[in-house]
Amino acid sequence: QVQLVESGGGLVQPGGSLRLSCAASGSIFGIGTMGWYRQAPGKQRELVATITSGSTTNYADSVKGRFTISRDNAKNTVYLQMNSLKPEDTAVYYCNVWITHRNYWGQGTQVTVSS
């Protein structure tokens, strides 16, 4: 059984920063692509960023230059550094991980950008 535990969400003012973490635990035999998605109220879940096992990254246009995804394979953890946050970044952020050809989602962490 695999578990994904997210942390790092919260309330931040516009222009501020947050760092999200997602740690995978359990029966893990080879982690593939890891990523972050988000869902704002009344909207569909959308991709934020992904990082492959070879550390190739991909970002949504809306976050390019502001967000950075990274991973620590020794800790089975993926991070999302979010800078220059905007009110439109407000959403529940979900971690997504491919492990041994199966896809897993975290429970979600709320990010609210407001003054």
C-alpha atoms as a PDB file:
ATOM      1  CA  GLN A   1       0.000   0.000   0.000  1.00  0.00           C
ATOM      2  CA  VAL A   2       1.244   3.468  -0.928  1.00  0.00           C
ATOM      3  CA  GLN A   3       0.507   6.672   0.930  1.00  0.00           C
ATOM      4  CA  LEU A   4       1.195  10.234  -0.137  1.00  0.00           C
ATOM      5  CA  VAL A   5       1.391  12.819   2.627  1.00  0.00           C
ATOM      6  CA  GLU A   6       1.327  16.472   1.654  1.00  0.00           C
ATOM      7  CA  SER A   7       2.317  19.474   3.724  1.00  0.00           C
ATOM      8  CA  GLY A   8       3.141  23.147   3.399  1.00  0.00           C
ATOM      9  CA  GLY A   9      -0.136  24.763   2.393  1.00  0.00           C
ATOM     10  CA  GLY A  10      -1.583  27.795   4.107  1.00  0.00           C
ATOM     11  CA  LEU A  11      -2.560  31.434   3.836  1.00  0.00           C
ATOM     12  CA  VAL A  12      -0.134  33.872   2.236  1.00  0.00           C
ATOM     13  CA  GLN A  13      -0.321  37.427   0.972  1.00  0.00           C
ATOM     14  CA  PRO A  14       0.009  38.238  -2.720  1.00  0.00           C
ATOM     15  CA  GLY A  15       3.659  38.248  -3.704  1.00  0.00           C
ATOM     16  CA  GLY A  16       4.536  35.785  -0.971  1.00  0.00           C
ATOM     17  CA  SER A  17       5.994  32.297  -1.120  1.00  0.00           C
ATOM     18  CA  LEU A  18       5.114  28.801   0.010  1.00  0.00           C
ATOM     19  CA  ARG A  19       6.791  25.438  -0.333  1.00  0.00           C
ATOM     20  CA  LEU A  20       4.713  22.284  -0.685  1.00  0.00           C
ATOM     21  CA  SER A  21       6.050  18.815   0.067  1.00  0.00           C
ATOM     22  CA  CYS A  22       4.687  15.384  -0.761  1.00  0.00           C
ATOM     23  CA  ALA A  23       6.289  12.277   0.703  1.00  0.00           C
ATOM     24  CA  ALA A  24       5.510   8.785  -0.559  1.00  0.00           C
ATOM     25  CA  SER A  25       5.662   5.823   1.790  1.00  0.00           C
ATOM     26  CA  GLY A  26       4.751   2.165   1.759  1.00  0.00           C
ATOM     27  CA  SER A  27       5.441  -0.481  -0.842  1.00  0.00           C
ATOM     28  CA  ILE A  28       7.505   1.537  -3.278  1.00  0.00           C
ATOM     29  CA  PHE A  29       9.477  -0.135  -6.059  1.00  0.00           C
ATOM     30  CA  GLY A  30      10.376   2.538  -8.519  1.00  0.00           C
ATOM     31  CA  ILE A  31       8.875   6.010  -8.575  1.00  0.00           C
ATOM     32  CA  GLY A  32       8.260   7.513 -11.980  1.00  0.00           C
ATOM     33  CA  THR A  33       6.870  10.924 -12.783  1.00  0.00           C
ATOM     34  CA  MET A  34       5.813  13.056  -9.841  1.00  0.00           C
ATOM     35  CA  GLY A  35       3.674  16.135 -10.099  1.00  0.00           C
ATOM     36  CA  TRP A  36       1.362  18.730  -8.660  1.00  0.00           C
ATOM     37  CA  TYR A  37      -2.160  19.564  -9.742  1.00  0.00           C
ATOM     38  CA  ARG A  38      -4.601  22.101  -8.359  1.00  0.00           C
ATOM     39  CA  GLN A  39      -8.328  22.647  -8.239  1.00  0.00           C
ATOM     40  CA  ALA A  40      -9.950  25.977  -7.547  1.00  0.00           C
ATOM     41  CA  PRO A  41     -13.612  26.223  -6.465  1.00  0.00           C
ATOM     42  CA  GLY A  42     -15.928  25.646  -9.406  1.00  0.00           C
ATOM     43  CA  LYS A  43     -13.083  24.717 -11.734  1.00  0.00           C
ATOM     44  CA  GLN A  44     -11.606  21.502 -13.054  1.00  0.00           C
ATOM     45  CA  ARG A  45      -8.402  20.077 -11.672  1.00  0.00           C
ATOM     46  CA  GLU A  46      -5.453  21.305 -13.701  1.00  0.00           C
ATOM     47  CA  LEU A  47      -1.797  20.419 -14.042  1.00  0.00           C
ATOM     48  CA  VAL A  48       0.662  22.712 -12.293  1.00  0.00           C
ATOM     49  CA  ALA A  49       4.005  20.978 -12.808  1.00  0.00           C
ATOM     50  CA  THR A  50       5.560  17.560 -13.309  1.00  0.00           C
ATOM     51  CA  ILE A  51       9.038  16.102 -12.967  1.00  0.00           C
ATOM     52  CA  THR A  52      10.158  12.810 -14.454  1.00  0.00           C
ATOM     53  CA  SER A  53      12.468  10.261 -12.890  1.00  0.00           C
ATOM     54  CA  GLY A  54      15.209  11.826 -15.004  1.00  0.00           C
ATOM     55  CA  SER A  55      14.341  15.281 -13.609  1.00  0.00           C
ATOM     56  CA  THR A  56      12.807  16.670 -16.774  1.00  0.00           C
ATOM     57  CA  THR A  57      10.276  19.290 -15.728  1.00  0.00           C
ATOM     58  CA  ASN A  58       7.084  20.618 -17.261  1.00  0.00           C
ATOM     59  CA  TYR A  59       5.044  23.615 -16.100  1.00  0.00           C
ATOM     60  CA  ALA A  60       1.688  25.149 -16.800  1.00  0.00           C
ATOM     61  CA  ASP A  61       2.103  28.476 -18.585  1.00  0.00           C
ATOM     62  CA  SER A  62       0.398  30.253 -15.706  1.00  0.00           C
ATOM     63  CA  VAL A  63       3.148  29.312 -13.237  1.00  0.00           C
ATOM     64  CA  LYS A  64       6.271  29.374 -15.401  1.00  0.00           C
ATOM     65  CA  GLY A  65       8.970  31.534 -13.879  1.00  0.00           C
ATOM     66  CA  ARG A  66       7.244  31.584 -10.479  1.00  0.00           C
ATOM     67  CA  PHE A  67       7.009  27.934  -9.405  1.00  0.00           C
ATOM     68  CA  THR A  68       9.781  25.341  -9.250  1.00  0.00           C
ATOM     69  CA  ILE A  69       9.234  21.601  -8.923  1.00  0.00           C
ATOM     70  CA  SER A  70      11.979  19.343  -7.579  1.00  0.00           C
ATOM     71  CA  ARG A  71      12.364  15.868  -6.116  1.00  0.00           C
ATOM     72  CA  ASP A  72      14.514  14.017  -3.631  1.00  0.00           C
ATOM     73  CA  ASN A  73      14.621  10.385  -4.704  1.00  0.00           C
ATOM     74  CA  ALA A  74      16.331   9.273  -1.502  1.00  0.00           C
ATOM     75  CA  LYS A  75      13.351  10.604   0.476  1.00  0.00           C
ATOM     76  CA  ASN A  76      10.668   9.686  -2.103  1.00  0.00           C
ATOM     77  CA  THR A  77       9.555  13.296  -1.903  1.00  0.00           C
ATOM     78  CA  VAL A  78       8.482  15.919  -4.406  1.00  0.00           C
ATOM     79  CA  TYR A  79       8.477  19.643  -3.694  1.00  0.00           C
ATOM     80  CA  LEU A  80       6.805  22.680  -5.179  1.00  0.00           C
ATOM     81  CA  GLN A  81       8.402  26.039  -4.439  1.00  0.00           C
ATOM     82  CA  MET A  82       5.855  28.752  -5.164  1.00  0.00           C
ATOM     83  CA  ASN A  83       7.032  32.354  -5.397  1.00  0.00           C
ATOM     84  CA  SER A  84       5.300  35.588  -6.393  1.00  0.00           C
ATOM     85  CA  LEU A  85       1.969  34.059  -5.492  1.00  0.00           C
ATOM     86  CA  LYS A  86      -1.188  35.600  -6.910  1.00  0.00           C
ATOM     87  CA  PRO A  87      -4.818  35.407  -5.733  1.00  0.00           C
ATOM     88  CA  GLU A  88      -5.577  33.259  -8.774  1.00  0.00           C
ATOM     89  CA  ASP A  89      -3.188  30.624  -7.407  1.00  0.00           C
ATOM     90  CA  THR A  90      -5.697  29.950  -4.631  1.00  0.00           C
ATOM     91  CA  ALA A  91      -6.722  26.290  -4.843  1.00  0.00           C
ATOM     92  CA  VAL A  92      -6.380  22.874  -3.296  1.00  0.00           C
ATOM     93  CA  TYR A  93      -3.060  21.454  -4.453  1.00  0.00           C
ATOM     94  CA  TYR A  94      -2.761  17.716  -5.033  1.00  0.00           C
ATOM     95  CA  CYS A  95       0.344  15.606  -5.303  1.00  0.00           C
ATOM     96  CA  ASN A  96       0.328  12.934  -8.024  1.00  0.00           C
ATOM     97  CA  VAL A  97       2.835  10.110  -8.328  1.00  0.00           C
ATOM     98  CA  TRP A  98       3.367   7.157 -10.642  1.00  0.00           C
ATOM     99  CA  ILE A  99       4.702   4.128  -8.776  1.00  0.00           C
ATOM    100  CA  THR A 100       5.240   0.851 -10.585  1.00  0.00           C
ATOM    101  CA  HIS A 101       2.804   1.813 -13.361  1.00  0.00           C
ATOM    102  CA  ARG A 102       0.050   2.788 -10.929  1.00  0.00           C
ATOM    103  CA  ASN A 103      -1.134   6.333 -10.254  1.00  0.00           C
ATOM    104  CA  TYR A 104      -1.639   7.782  -6.803  1.00  0.00           C
ATOM    105  CA  TRP A 105      -3.082  11.046  -5.474  1.00  0.00           C
ATOM    106  CA  GLY A 106      -2.422  12.870  -2.236  1.00  0.00           C
ATOM    107  CA  GLN A 107      -5.228  14.140  -0.029  1.00  0.00           C
ATOM    108  CA  GLY A 108      -4.735  17.755  -1.075  1.00  0.00           C
ATOM    109  CA  THR A 109      -3.501  20.836   0.734  1.00  0.00           C
ATOM    110  CA  GLN A 110      -5.180  24.236   0.668  1.00  0.00           C
ATOM    111  CA  VAL A 111      -3.268  27.250  -0.619  1.00  0.00           C
ATOM    112  CA  THR A 112      -4.963  30.606  -0.160  1.00  0.00           C
ATOM    113  CA  VAL A 113      -3.450  33.809  -1.511  1.00  0.00           C
ATOM    114  CA  SER A 114      -5.184  36.829  -0.050  1.00  0.00           C
ATOM    115  CA  SER A 115      -4.456  40.143   1.593  1.00  0.00           C
END
